Structure formats: C-alpha cells, structure tokens
Amino acid sequence: MKKLVYETMYILRPDMTEEQTEVAIAKYQNFLRENSAEVIETQHRGKRRLAYEIGKHREGIYIQMNYTCDGKIVAALERNMRLSEEVIRYLTIKQEVREPQPEPAVVEA
C-alpha cells in the first residue's frame, strides 16, 4: 500500500506543564511509529491565544506533526486524540507531494 504524507495539527490544554506536554507529544509520535508510520517532523509551536473559546479554554498549546503512513493509521490517531482529555482540537490534512519535474533544456540559437 502506498504511503502518503499527512500533517496533523493538534491543540493541547493550556494548563499542561512542559513535562506533560512533552509526554503527550511523545505518546502520539510513538503511536505512529508503532503502526509503521514514519514521523518526518514535529514542531512545538508553543502556547497561543485561540480564535474562539474551546471548552472554556482561551489559549492552547499548538503542536504540528508531519508523517508518512497509510490512511487507516490516521483514523486510529484521530480516535486516540478524540478520546484524550489533553487534546482540545485536532485537524489532519493530506499533503500533496509533487514529483520533481525536470527543467526544460535551454536551446541556444
């Protein structure tokens, strides 16, 4: 099965300590690795103000993960996030990876 590139952005509760945040990030990275996904990059974007209140929270800790896997793993990851009390919002998008195009040869007159 062909592996596709995905990006998941999730928001953790703002009252989590730095240590709890690192544990949560590691939990989702390990989940992906255990299910034969390859984590390309994880960015901890820090605590930011939300555009609107989510469950009485005005701020959240933003985390972005880029990884390759097949689509079934994404559904399982999102299910874990939905059942988790630490994640207040998540969104996964499929990245469009373009094959590099050869540059046209320049013909001199």
PDB file of N, CA and C in Angstrom:
ATOM      1  N   MET A   1       0.843  -1.180   0.000  1.00  0.00           N
ATOM      2  CA  MET A   1       0.000   0.000   0.000  1.00  0.00           C
ATOM      3  C   MET A   1       0.890   1.246   0.000  1.00  0.00           C
ATOM      4  N   LYS A   2       0.490   2.222  -0.785  1.00  0.00           N
ATOM      5  CA  LYS A   2       1.271   3.446  -0.903  1.00  0.00           C
ATOM      6  C   LYS A   2       1.105   4.313   0.338  1.00  0.00           C
ATOM      7  N   LYS A   3       2.248   4.809   0.833  1.00  0.00           N
ATOM      8  CA  LYS A   3       2.201   5.691   1.990  1.00  0.00           C
ATOM      9  C   LYS A   3       2.106   7.129   1.516  1.00  0.00           C
ATOM     10  N   LEU A   4       1.242   7.891   2.172  1.00  0.00           N
ATOM     11  CA  LEU A   4       1.034   9.291   1.832  1.00  0.00           C
ATOM     12  C   LEU A   4       1.570  10.173   2.947  1.00  0.00           C
ATOM     13  N   VAL A   5       1.789  11.441   2.630  1.00  0.00           N
ATOM     14  CA  VAL A   5       2.286  12.394   3.620  1.00  0.00           C
ATOM     15  C   VAL A   5       1.099  13.137   4.230  1.00  0.00           C
ATOM     16  N   TYR A   6       1.051  13.164   5.566  1.00  0.00           N
ATOM     17  CA  TYR A   6      -0.023  13.836   6.294  1.00  0.00           C
ATOM     18  C   TYR A   6       0.563  14.867   7.245  1.00  0.00           C
ATOM     19  N   GLU A   7      -0.267  15.854   7.576  1.00  0.00           N
ATOM     20  CA  GLU A   7       0.087  16.842   8.590  1.00  0.00           C
ATOM     21  C   GLU A   7      -1.065  16.891   9.579  1.00  0.00           C
ATOM     22  N   THR A   8      -0.756  16.667  10.851  1.00  0.00           N
ATOM     23  CA  THR A   8      -1.763  16.782  11.910  1.00  0.00           C
ATOM     24  C   THR A   8      -1.360  17.933  12.815  1.00  0.00           C
ATOM     25  N   MET A   9      -2.265  18.881  12.964  1.00  0.00           N
ATOM     26  CA  MET A   9      -2.079  19.984  13.903  1.00  0.00           C
ATOM     27  C   MET A   9      -3.040  19.713  15.048  1.00  0.00           C
ATOM     28  N   TYR A  10      -2.518  19.675  16.264  1.00  0.00           N
ATOM     29  CA  TYR A  10      -3.417  19.483  17.400  1.00  0.00           C
ATOM     30  C   TYR A  10      -3.105  20.495  18.488  1.00  0.00           C
ATOM     31  N   ILE A  11      -4.125  20.767  19.308  1.00  0.00           N
ATOM     32  CA  ILE A  11      -4.018  21.772  20.361  1.00  0.00           C
ATOM     33  C   ILE A  11      -4.221  21.078  21.704  1.00  0.00           C
ATOM     34  N   LEU A  12      -3.242  21.238  22.583  1.00  0.00           N
ATOM     35  CA  LEU A  12      -3.313  20.665  23.921  1.00  0.00           C
ATOM     36  C   LEU A  12      -3.859  21.700  24.903  1.00  0.00           C
ATOM     37  N   ARG A  13      -4.389  21.234  26.012  1.00  0.00           N
ATOM     38  CA  ARG A  13      -4.904  22.131  27.053  1.00  0.00           C
ATOM     39  C   ARG A  13      -3.805  23.090  27.507  1.00  0.00           C
ATOM     40  N   PRO A  14      -4.132  24.350  27.756  1.00  0.00           N
ATOM     41  CA  PRO A  14      -3.109  25.331  28.144  1.00  0.00           C
ATOM     42  C   PRO A  14      -2.576  25.160  29.559  1.00  0.00           C
ATOM     43  N   ASP A  15      -3.293  24.403  30.412  1.00  0.00           N
ATOM     44  CA  ASP A  15      -2.845  24.243  31.804  1.00  0.00           C
ATOM     45  C   ASP A  15      -1.849  23.105  31.983  1.00  0.00           C
ATOM     46  N   MET A  16      -1.406  22.481  30.885  1.00  0.00           N
ATOM     47  CA  MET A  16      -0.433  21.392  30.973  1.00  0.00           C
ATOM     48  C   MET A  16       0.965  21.959  31.191  1.00  0.00           C
ATOM     49  N   THR A  17       1.758  21.255  32.020  1.00  0.00           N
ATOM     50  CA  THR A  17       3.140  21.681  32.243  1.00  0.00           C
ATOM     51  C   THR A  17       3.979  21.303  31.024  1.00  0.00           C
ATOM     52  N   GLU A  18       5.198  21.828  30.976  1.00  0.00           N
ATOM     53  CA  GLU A  18       6.105  21.498  29.866  1.00  0.00           C
ATOM     54  C   GLU A  18       6.371  19.996  29.816  1.00  0.00           C
ATOM     55  N   GLU A  19       6.527  19.383  30.994  1.00  0.00           N
ATOM     56  CA  GLU A  19       6.782  17.941  31.063  1.00  0.00           C
ATOM     57  C   GLU A  19       5.581  17.146  30.537  1.00  0.00           C
ATOM     58  N   GLN A  20       4.370  17.540  30.946  1.00  0.00           N
ATOM     59  CA  GLN A  20       3.159  16.858  30.465  1.00  0.00           C
ATOM     60  C   GLN A  20       3.018  17.023  28.953  1.00  0.00           C
ATOM     61  N   THR A  21       3.384  18.184  28.438  1.00  0.00           N
ATOM     62  CA  THR A  21       3.316  18.450  27.001  1.00  0.00           C
ATOM     63  C   THR A  21       4.258  17.524  26.252  1.00  0.00           C
ATOM     64  N   GLU A  22       5.499  17.388  26.751  1.00  0.00           N
ATOM     65  CA  GLU A  22       6.481  16.508  26.105  1.00  0.00           C
ATOM     66  C   GLU A  22       6.013  15.053  26.122  1.00  0.00           C
ATOM     67  N   VAL A  23       5.374  14.633  27.224  1.00  0.00           N
ATOM     68  CA  VAL A  23       4.854  13.264  27.324  1.00  0.00           C
ATOM     69  C   VAL A  23       3.743  13.048  26.286  1.00  0.00           C
ATOM     70  N   ALA A  24       2.863  14.034  26.133  1.00  0.00           N
ATOM     71  CA  ALA A  24       1.766  13.928  25.159  1.00  0.00           C
ATOM     72  C   ALA A  24       2.314  13.863  23.734  1.00  0.00           C
ATOM     73  N   ILE A  25       3.303  14.697  23.417  1.00  0.00           N
ATOM     74  CA  ILE A  25       3.909  14.687  22.081  1.00  0.00           C
ATOM     75  C   ILE A  25       4.535  13.319  21.812  1.00  0.00           C
ATOM     76  N   ALA A  26       5.291  12.810  22.774  1.00  0.00           N
ATOM     77  CA  ALA A  26       5.945  11.501  22.622  1.00  0.00           C
ATOM     78  C   ALA A  26       4.913  10.387  22.452  1.00  0.00           C
ATOM     79  N   LYS A  27       3.783  10.507  23.151  1.00  0.00           N
ATOM     80  CA  LYS A  27       2.728   9.488  23.065  1.00  0.00           C
ATOM     81  C   LYS A  27       2.214   9.344  21.629  1.00  0.00           C
ATOM     82  N   TYR A  28       1.951  10.481  20.973  1.00  0.00           N
ATOM     83  CA  TYR A  28       1.423  10.415  19.610  1.00  0.00           C
ATOM     84  C   TYR A  28       2.497  10.045  18.595  1.00  0.00           C
ATOM     85  N   GLN A  29       3.736  10.470  18.823  1.00  0.00           N
ATOM     86  CA  GLN A  29       4.835  10.053  17.941  1.00  0.00           C
ATOM     87  C   GLN A  29       5.031   8.542  18.036  1.00  0.00           C
ATOM     88  N   ASN A  30       5.034   8.007  19.253  1.00  0.00           N
ATOM     89  CA  ASN A  30       5.211   6.566  19.452  1.00  0.00           C
ATOM     90  C   ASN A  30       4.061   5.778  18.849  1.00  0.00           C
ATOM     91  N   PHE A  31       2.832   6.307  18.974  1.00  0.00           N
ATOM     92  CA  PHE A  31       1.686   5.633  18.371  1.00  0.00           C
ATOM     93  C   PHE A  31       1.902   5.477  16.866  1.00  0.00           C
ATOM     94  N   LEU A  32       2.363   6.547  16.212  1.00  0.00           N
ATOM     95  CA  LEU A  32       2.602   6.492  14.770  1.00  0.00           C
ATOM     96  C   LEU A  32       3.708   5.494  14.438  1.00  0.00           C
ATOM     97  N   ARG A  33       4.812   5.543  15.182  1.00  0.00           N
ATOM     98  CA  ARG A  33       5.936   4.623  14.915  1.00  0.00           C
ATOM     99  C   ARG A  33       5.521   3.169  15.112  1.00  0.00           C
ATOM    100  N   GLU A  34       4.735   2.889  16.151  1.00  0.00           N
ATOM    101  CA  GLU A  34       4.281   1.522  16.422  1.00  0.00           C
ATOM    102  C   GLU A  34       3.380   0.998  15.314  1.00  0.00           C
ATOM    103  N   ASN A  35       2.755   1.887  14.569  1.00  0.00           N
ATOM    104  CA  ASN A  35       1.865   1.498  13.476  1.00  0.00           C
ATOM    105  C   ASN A  35       2.527   1.704  12.117  1.00  0.00           C
ATOM    106  N   SER A  36       3.842   1.582  12.077  1.00  0.00           N
ATOM    107  CA  SER A  36       4.676   1.627  10.868  1.00  0.00           C
ATOM    108  C   SER A  36       4.589   2.942  10.084  1.00  0.00           C
ATOM    109  N   ALA A  37       4.328   4.023  10.769  1.00  0.00           N
ATOM    110  CA  ALA A  37       4.373   5.343  10.134  1.00  0.00           C
ATOM    111  C   ALA A  37       5.764   5.922  10.367  1.00  0.00           C
ATOM    112  N   GLU A  38       6.155   6.837   9.505  1.00  0.00           N
ATOM    113  CA  GLU A  38       7.444   7.499   9.661  1.00  0.00           C
ATOM    114  C   GLU A  38       7.202   8.959  10.013  1.00  0.00           C
ATOM    115  N   VAL A  39       7.630   9.357  11.204  1.00  0.00           N
ATOM    116  CA  VAL A  39       7.466  10.743  11.634  1.00  0.00           C
ATOM    117  C   VAL A  39       8.581  11.560  10.985  1.00  0.00           C
ATOM    118  N   ILE A  40       8.203  12.509  10.140  1.00  0.00           N
ATOM    119  CA  ILE A  40       9.178  13.328   9.435  1.00  0.00           C
ATOM    120  C   ILE A  40       9.618  14.494  10.312  1.00  0.00           C
ATOM    121  N   GLU A  41       8.645  15.173  10.919  1.00  0.00           N
ATOM    122  CA  GLU A  41       8.955  16.373  11.685  1.00  0.00           C
ATOM    123  C   GLU A  41       7.844  16.640  12.698  1.00  0.00           C
ATOM    124  N   THR A  42       8.235  17.111  13.878  1.00  0.00           N
ATOM    125  CA  THR A  42       7.275  17.546  14.893  1.00  0.00           C
ATOM    126  C   THR A  42       7.698  18.926  15.359  1.00  0.00           C
ATOM    127  N   GLN A  43       6.768  19.864  15.326  1.00  0.00           N
ATOM    128  CA  GLN A  43       7.063  21.234  15.746  1.00  0.00           C
ATOM    129  C   GLN A  43       6.179  21.600  16.933  1.00  0.00           C
ATOM    130  N   HIS A  44       6.826  22.022  18.007  1.00  0.00           N
ATOM    131  CA  HIS A  44       6.123  22.505  19.194  1.00  0.00           C
ATOM    132  C   HIS A  44       5.998  24.017  19.000  1.00  0.00           C
ATOM    133  N   ARG A  45       4.818  24.494  18.673  1.00  0.00           N
ATOM    134  CA  ARG A  45       4.630  25.904  18.323  1.00  0.00           C
ATOM    135  C   ARG A  45       4.295  26.785  19.522  1.00  0.00           C
ATOM    136  N   GLY A  46       4.193  26.177  20.695  1.00  0.00           N
ATOM    137  CA  GLY A  46       4.005  26.960  21.912  1.00  0.00           C
ATOM    138  C   GLY A  46       2.557  27.311  22.203  1.00  0.00           C
ATOM    139  N   LYS A  47       2.384  28.057  23.308  1.00  0.00           N
ATOM    140  CA  LYS A  47       1.050  28.447  23.764  1.00  0.00           C
ATOM    141  C   LYS A  47       0.612  29.695  23.003  1.00  0.00           C
ATOM    142  N   ARG A  48      -0.589  29.628  22.445  1.00  0.00           N
ATOM    143  CA  ARG A  48      -1.135  30.758  21.689  1.00  0.00           C
ATOM    144  C   ARG A  48      -2.592  30.972  22.056  1.00  0.00           C
ATOM    145  N   ARG A  49      -3.050  32.168  21.803  1.00  0.00           N
ATOM    146  CA  ARG A  49      -4.447  32.508  22.048  1.00  0.00           C
ATOM    147  C   ARG A  49      -5.300  31.886  20.939  1.00  0.00           C
ATOM    148  N   LEU A  50      -6.428  31.293  21.324  1.00  0.00           N
ATOM    149  CA  LEU A  50      -7.345  30.678  20.365  1.00  0.00           C
ATOM    150  C   LEU A  50      -8.215  31.751  19.715  1.00  0.00           C
ATOM    151  N   ALA A  51      -8.673  31.493  18.517  1.00  0.00           N
ATOM    152  CA  ALA A  51      -9.557  32.425  17.820  1.00  0.00           C
ATOM    153  C   ALA A  51     -10.911  32.512  18.525  1.00  0.00           C
ATOM    154  N   TYR A  52     -11.315  31.407  19.153  1.00  0.00           N
ATOM    155  CA  TYR A  52     -12.565  31.373  19.908  1.00  0.00           C
ATOM    156  C   TYR A  52     -12.398  30.375  21.046  1.00  0.00           C
ATOM    157  N   GLU A  53     -13.244  30.486  22.037  1.00  0.00           N
ATOM    158  CA  GLU A  53     -13.146  29.635  23.218  1.00  0.00           C
ATOM    159  C   GLU A  53     -13.519  28.194  22.872  1.00  0.00           C
ATOM    160  N   ILE A  54     -12.693  27.246  23.335  1.00  0.00           N
ATOM    161  CA  ILE A  54     -12.966  25.819  23.145  1.00  0.00           C
ATOM    162  C   ILE A  54     -13.010  25.182  24.527  1.00  0.00           C
ATOM    163  N   GLY A  55     -14.170  24.760  24.945  1.00  0.00           N
ATOM    164  CA  GLY A  55     -14.312  24.107  26.249  1.00  0.00           C
ATOM    165  C   GLY A  55     -13.776  24.937  27.399  1.00  0.00           C
ATOM    166  N   LYS A  56     -14.112  26.194  27.433  1.00  0.00           N
ATOM    167  CA  LYS A  56     -13.703  27.153  28.470  1.00  0.00           C
ATOM    168  C   LYS A  56     -12.210  27.503  28.429  1.00  0.00           C
ATOM    169  N   HIS A  57     -11.520  27.127  27.353  1.00  0.00           N
ATOM    170  CA  HIS A  57     -10.106  27.470  27.202  1.00  0.00           C
ATOM    171  C   HIS A  57      -9.981  28.624  26.216  1.00  0.00           C
ATOM    172  N   ARG A  58      -9.208  29.633  26.597  1.00  0.00           N
ATOM    173  CA  ARG A  58      -8.951  30.780  25.715  1.00  0.00           C
ATOM    174  C   ARG A  58      -7.609  30.656  24.999  1.00  0.00           C
ATOM    175  N   GLU A  59      -6.732  29.748  25.496  1.00  0.00           N
ATOM    176  CA  GLU A  59      -5.421  29.518  24.902  1.00  0.00           C
ATOM    177  C   GLU A  59      -5.237  28.025  24.694  1.00  0.00           C
ATOM    178  N   GLY A  60      -4.203  27.681  23.928  1.00  0.00           N
ATOM    179  CA  GLY A  60      -3.886  26.278  23.715  1.00  0.00           C
ATOM    180  C   GLY A  60      -2.435  26.132  23.322  1.00  0.00           C
ATOM    181  N   ILE A  61      -1.897  24.922  23.492  1.00  0.00           N
ATOM    182  CA  ILE A  61      -0.522  24.617  23.103  1.00  0.00           C
ATOM    183  C   ILE A  61      -0.576  23.917  21.755  1.00  0.00           C
ATOM    184  N   TYR A  62      -0.018  24.566  20.728  1.00  0.00           N
ATOM    185  CA  TYR A  62      -0.102  24.072  19.360  1.00  0.00           C
ATOM    186  C   TYR A  62       1.064  23.141  19.039  1.00  0.00           C
ATOM    187  N   ILE A  63       0.749  21.981  18.450  1.00  0.00           N
ATOM    188  CA  ILE A  63       1.750  21.006  18.029  1.00  0.00           C
ATOM    189  C   ILE A  63       1.431  20.617  16.584  1.00  0.00           C
ATOM    190  N   GLN A  64       2.461  20.562  15.746  1.00  0.00           N
ATOM    191  CA  GLN A  64       2.288  20.154  14.346  1.00  0.00           C
ATOM    192  C   GLN A  64       3.174  18.943  14.079  1.00  0.00           C
ATOM    193  N   MET A  65       2.580  17.878  13.516  1.00  0.00           N
ATOM    194  CA  MET A  65       3.328  16.672  13.151  1.00  0.00           C
ATOM    195  C   MET A  65       3.174  16.408  11.665  1.00  0.00           C
ATOM    196  N   ASN A  66       4.279  16.146  10.995  1.00  0.00           N
ATOM    197  CA  ASN A  66       4.265  15.722   9.602  1.00  0.00           C
ATOM    198  C   ASN A  66       4.785  14.286   9.570  1.00  0.00           C
ATOM    199  N   TYR A  67       4.094  13.412   8.843  1.00  0.00           N
ATOM    200  CA  TYR A  67       4.464  12.000   8.836  1.00  0.00           C
ATOM    201  C   TYR A  67       3.943  11.323   7.577  1.00  0.00           C
ATOM    202  N   THR A  68       4.491  10.136   7.288  1.00  0.00           N
ATOM    203  CA  THR A  68       4.003   9.326   6.176  1.00  0.00           C
ATOM    204  C   THR A  68       3.397   8.048   6.745  1.00  0.00           C
ATOM    205  N   CYS A  69       2.269   7.650   6.177  1.00  0.00           N
ATOM    206  CA  CYS A  69       1.602   6.414   6.591  1.00  0.00           C
ATOM    207  C   CYS A  69       0.471   6.137   5.612  1.00  0.00           C
ATOM    208  N   ASP A  70      -0.223   5.007   5.815  1.00  0.00           N
ATOM    209  CA  ASP A  70      -1.436   4.805   5.026  1.00  0.00           C
ATOM    210  C   ASP A  70      -2.620   5.370   5.817  1.00  0.00           C
ATOM    211  N   GLY A  71      -3.731   5.576   5.146  1.00  0.00           N
ATOM    212  CA  GLY A  71      -4.864   6.306   5.715  1.00  0.00           C
ATOM    213  C   GLY A  71      -5.508   5.692   6.944  1.00  0.00           C
ATOM    214  N   LYS A  72      -5.406   4.368   7.113  1.00  0.00           N
ATOM    215  CA  LYS A  72      -6.045   3.711   8.253  1.00  0.00           C
ATOM    216  C   LYS A  72      -5.444   4.179   9.574  1.00  0.00           C
ATOM    217  N   ILE A  73      -4.154   4.477   9.564  1.00  0.00           N
ATOM    218  CA  ILE A  73      -3.477   4.902  10.789  1.00  0.00           C
ATOM    219  C   ILE A  73      -3.963   6.287  11.210  1.00  0.00           C
ATOM    220  N   VAL A  74      -4.266   7.150  10.245  1.00  0.00           N
ATOM    221  CA  VAL A  74      -4.754   8.499  10.551  1.00  0.00           C
ATOM    222  C   VAL A  74      -6.062   8.408  11.337  1.00  0.00           C
ATOM    223  N   ALA A  75      -6.951   7.528  10.922  1.00  0.00           N
ATOM    224  CA  ALA A  75      -8.237   7.369  11.619  1.00  0.00           C
ATOM    225  C   ALA A  75      -8.020   6.909  13.057  1.00  0.00           C
ATOM    226  N   ALA A  76      -7.084   5.992  13.268  1.00  0.00           N
ATOM    227  CA  ALA A  76      -6.795   5.498  14.618  1.00  0.00           C
ATOM    228  C   ALA A  76      -6.157   6.597  15.474  1.00  0.00           C
ATOM    229  N   LEU A  77      -5.265   7.388  14.878  1.00  0.00           N
ATOM    230  CA  LEU A  77      -4.638   8.500  15.601  1.00  0.00           C
ATOM    231  C   LEU A  77      -5.695   9.516  16.028  1.00  0.00           C
ATOM    232  N   GLU A  78      -6.584   9.873  15.117  1.00  0.00           N
ATOM    233  CA  GLU A  78      -7.630  10.842  15.439  1.00  0.00           C
ATOM    234  C   GLU A  78      -8.586  10.303  16.501  1.00  0.00           C
ATOM    235  N   ARG A  79      -8.836   9.009  16.485  1.00  0.00           N
ATOM    236  CA  ARG A  79      -9.690   8.404  17.516  1.00  0.00           C
ATOM    237  C   ARG A  79      -9.025   8.548  18.880  1.00  0.00           C
ATOM    238  N   ASN A  80      -7.711   8.291  18.942  1.00  0.00           N
ATOM    239  CA  ASN A  80      -6.969   8.465  20.200  1.00  0.00           C
ATOM    240  C   ASN A  80      -7.059   9.902  20.691  1.00  0.00           C
ATOM    241  N   MET A  81      -6.934  10.855  19.775  1.00  0.00           N
ATOM    242  CA  MET A  81      -6.987  12.273  20.155  1.00  0.00           C
ATOM    243  C   MET A  81      -8.386  12.663  20.633  1.00  0.00           C
ATOM    244  N   ARG A  82      -9.397  12.133  19.966  1.00  0.00           N
ATOM    245  CA  ARG A  82     -10.783  12.442  20.336  1.00  0.00           C
ATOM    246  C   ARG A  82     -11.095  11.931  21.746  1.00  0.00           C
ATOM    247  N   LEU A  83     -10.559  10.768  22.112  1.00  0.00           N
ATOM    248  CA  LEU A  83     -10.821  10.168  23.425  1.00  0.00           C
ATOM    249  C   LEU A  83      -9.924  10.748  24.520  1.00  0.00           C
ATOM    250  N   SER A  84      -8.892  11.476  24.127  1.00  0.00           N
ATOM    251  CA  SER A  84      -7.948  12.034  25.089  1.00  0.00           C
ATOM    252  C   SER A  84      -8.505  13.304  25.732  1.00  0.00           C
ATOM    253  N   GLU A  85      -8.219  13.484  27.010  1.00  0.00           N
ATOM    254  CA  GLU A  85      -8.656  14.700  27.697  1.00  0.00           C
ATOM    255  C   GLU A  85      -7.667  15.840  27.510  1.00  0.00           C
ATOM    256  N   GLU A  86      -6.456  15.531  27.036  1.00  0.00           N
ATOM    257  CA  GLU A  86      -5.439  16.574  26.887  1.00  0.00           C
ATOM    258  C   GLU A  86      -5.553  17.326  25.563  1.00  0.00           C
ATOM    259  N   VAL A  87      -6.140  16.707  24.542  1.00  0.00           N
ATOM    260  CA  VAL A  87      -6.275  17.344  23.227  1.00  0.00           C
ATOM    261  C   VAL A  87      -7.639  18.027  23.155  1.00  0.00           C
ATOM    262  N   ILE A  88      -7.635  19.342  22.883  1.00  0.00           N
ATOM    263  CA  ILE A  88      -8.913  20.053  22.806  1.00  0.00           C
ATOM    264  C   ILE A  88      -9.376  20.239  21.361  1.00  0.00           C
ATOM    265  N   ARG A  89      -8.466  20.107  20.393  1.00  0.00           N
ATOM    266  CA  ARG A  89      -8.840  20.206  18.980  1.00  0.00           C
ATOM    267  C   ARG A  89      -7.727  19.603  18.123  1.00  0.00           C
ATOM    268  N   TYR A  90      -8.086  19.005  16.982  1.00  0.00           N
ATOM    269  CA  TYR A  90      -7.086  18.457  16.069  1.00  0.00           C
ATOM    270  C   TYR A  90      -7.597  18.564  14.641  1.00  0.00           C
ATOM    271  N   LEU A  91      -6.680  18.544  13.707  1.00  0.00           N
ATOM    272  CA  LEU A  91      -7.028  18.577  12.291  1.00  0.00           C
ATOM    273  C   LEU A  91      -5.922  17.890  11.510  1.00  0.00           C
ATOM    274  N   THR A  92      -6.298  16.969  10.626  1.00  0.00           N
ATOM    275  CA  THR A  92      -5.325  16.273   9.788  1.00  0.00           C
ATOM    276  C   THR A  92      -5.615  16.587   8.332  1.00  0.00           C
ATOM    277  N   ILE A  93      -4.566  16.934   7.600  1.00  0.00           N
ATOM    278  CA  ILE A  93      -4.708  17.152   6.165  1.00  0.00           C
ATOM    279  C   ILE A  93      -3.697  16.289   5.421  1.00  0.00           C
ATOM    280  N   LYS A  94      -4.067  15.893   4.220  1.00  0.00           N
ATOM    281  CA  LYS A  94      -3.171  15.118   3.382  1.00  0.00           C
ATOM    282  C   LYS A  94      -2.348  16.097   2.556  1.00  0.00           C
ATOM    283  N   GLN A  95      -1.043  15.960   2.630  1.00  0.00           N
ATOM    284  CA  GLN A  95      -0.150  16.841   1.884  1.00  0.00           C
ATOM    285  C   GLN A  95      -0.076  16.370   0.439  1.00  0.00           C
ATOM    286  N   GLU A  96      -0.029  17.310  -0.451  1.00  0.00           N
ATOM    287  CA  GLU A  96       0.146  16.964  -1.857  1.00  0.00           C
ATOM    288  C   GLU A  96       1.633  17.021  -2.158  1.00  0.00           C
ATOM    289  N   VAL A  97       2.201  15.871  -2.463  1.00  0.00           N
ATOM    290  CA  VAL A  97       3.630  15.800  -2.760  1.00  0.00           C
ATOM    291  C   VAL A  97       3.784  15.698  -4.267  1.00  0.00           C
ATOM    292  N   ARG A  98       4.408  16.697  -4.838  1.00  0.00           N
ATOM    293  CA  ARG A  98       4.606  16.713  -6.287  1.00  0.00           C
ATOM    294  C   ARG A  98       5.942  16.086  -6.628  1.00  0.00           C
ATOM    295  N   GLU A  99       5.932  15.293  -7.688  1.00  0.00           N
ATOM    296  CA  GLU A  99       7.186  14.716  -8.175  1.00  0.00           C
ATOM    297  C   GLU A  99       8.002  15.830  -8.808  1.00  0.00           C
ATOM    298  N   PRO A 100       9.318  15.840  -8.575  1.00  0.00           N
ATOM    299  CA  PRO A 100      10.128  16.894  -9.186  1.00  0.00           C
ATOM    300  C   PRO A 100      10.087  16.786 -10.707  1.00  0.00           C
ATOM    301  N   GLN A 101       9.844  17.922 -11.346  1.00  0.00           N
ATOM    302  CA  GLN A 101       9.768  17.955 -12.809  1.00  0.00           C
ATOM    303  C   GLN A 101      11.148  18.321 -13.361  1.00  0.00           C
ATOM    304  N   PRO A 102      11.575  17.635 -14.403  1.00  0.00           N
ATOM    305  CA  PRO A 102      12.863  18.029 -14.997  1.00  0.00           C
ATOM    306  C   PRO A 102      12.735  19.410 -15.648  1.00  0.00           C
ATOM    307  N   GLU A 103      13.782  20.202 -15.484  1.00  0.00           N
ATOM    308  CA  GLU A 103      13.746  21.528 -16.070  1.00  0.00           C
ATOM    309  C   GLU A 103      13.947  21.429 -17.573  1.00  0.00           C
ATOM    310  N   PRO A 104      13.192  22.229 -18.340  1.00  0.00           N
ATOM    311  CA  PRO A 104      13.351  22.166 -19.790  1.00  0.00           C
ATOM    312  C   PRO A 104      14.747  22.643 -20.191  1.00  0.00           C
ATOM    313  N   ALA A 105      15.306  21.949 -21.171  1.00  0.00           N
ATOM    314  CA  ALA A 105      16.657  22.287 -21.645  1.00  0.00           C
ATOM    315  C   ALA A 105      16.591  23.613 -22.407  1.00  0.00           C
ATOM    316  N   VAL A 106      17.573  24.451 -22.171  1.00  0.00           N
ATOM    317  CA  VAL A 106      17.635  25.738 -22.846  1.00  0.00           C
ATOM    318  C   VAL A 106      18.419  25.537 -24.144  1.00  0.00           C
ATOM    319  N   VAL A 107      17.777  25.876 -25.254  1.00  0.00           N
ATOM    320  CA  VAL A 107      18.418  25.729 -26.567  1.00  0.00           C
ATOM    321  C   VAL A 107      18.927  27.098 -27.004  1.00  0.00           C
ATOM    322  N   GLU A 108      20.243  27.168 -27.256  1.00  0.00           N
ATOM    323  CA  GLU A 108      20.804  28.433 -27.697  1.00  0.00           C
ATOM    324  C   GLU A 108      20.770  28.504 -29.214  1.00  0.00           C
ATOM    325  N   ALA A 109      20.460  29.700 -29.732  1.00  0.00           N
ATOM    326  CA  ALA A 109      20.354  29.876 -31.181  1.00  0.00           C
ATOM    327  C   ALA A 109      21.690  30.134 -31.810  1.00  0.00           C
TER     328      ALA A 109
END
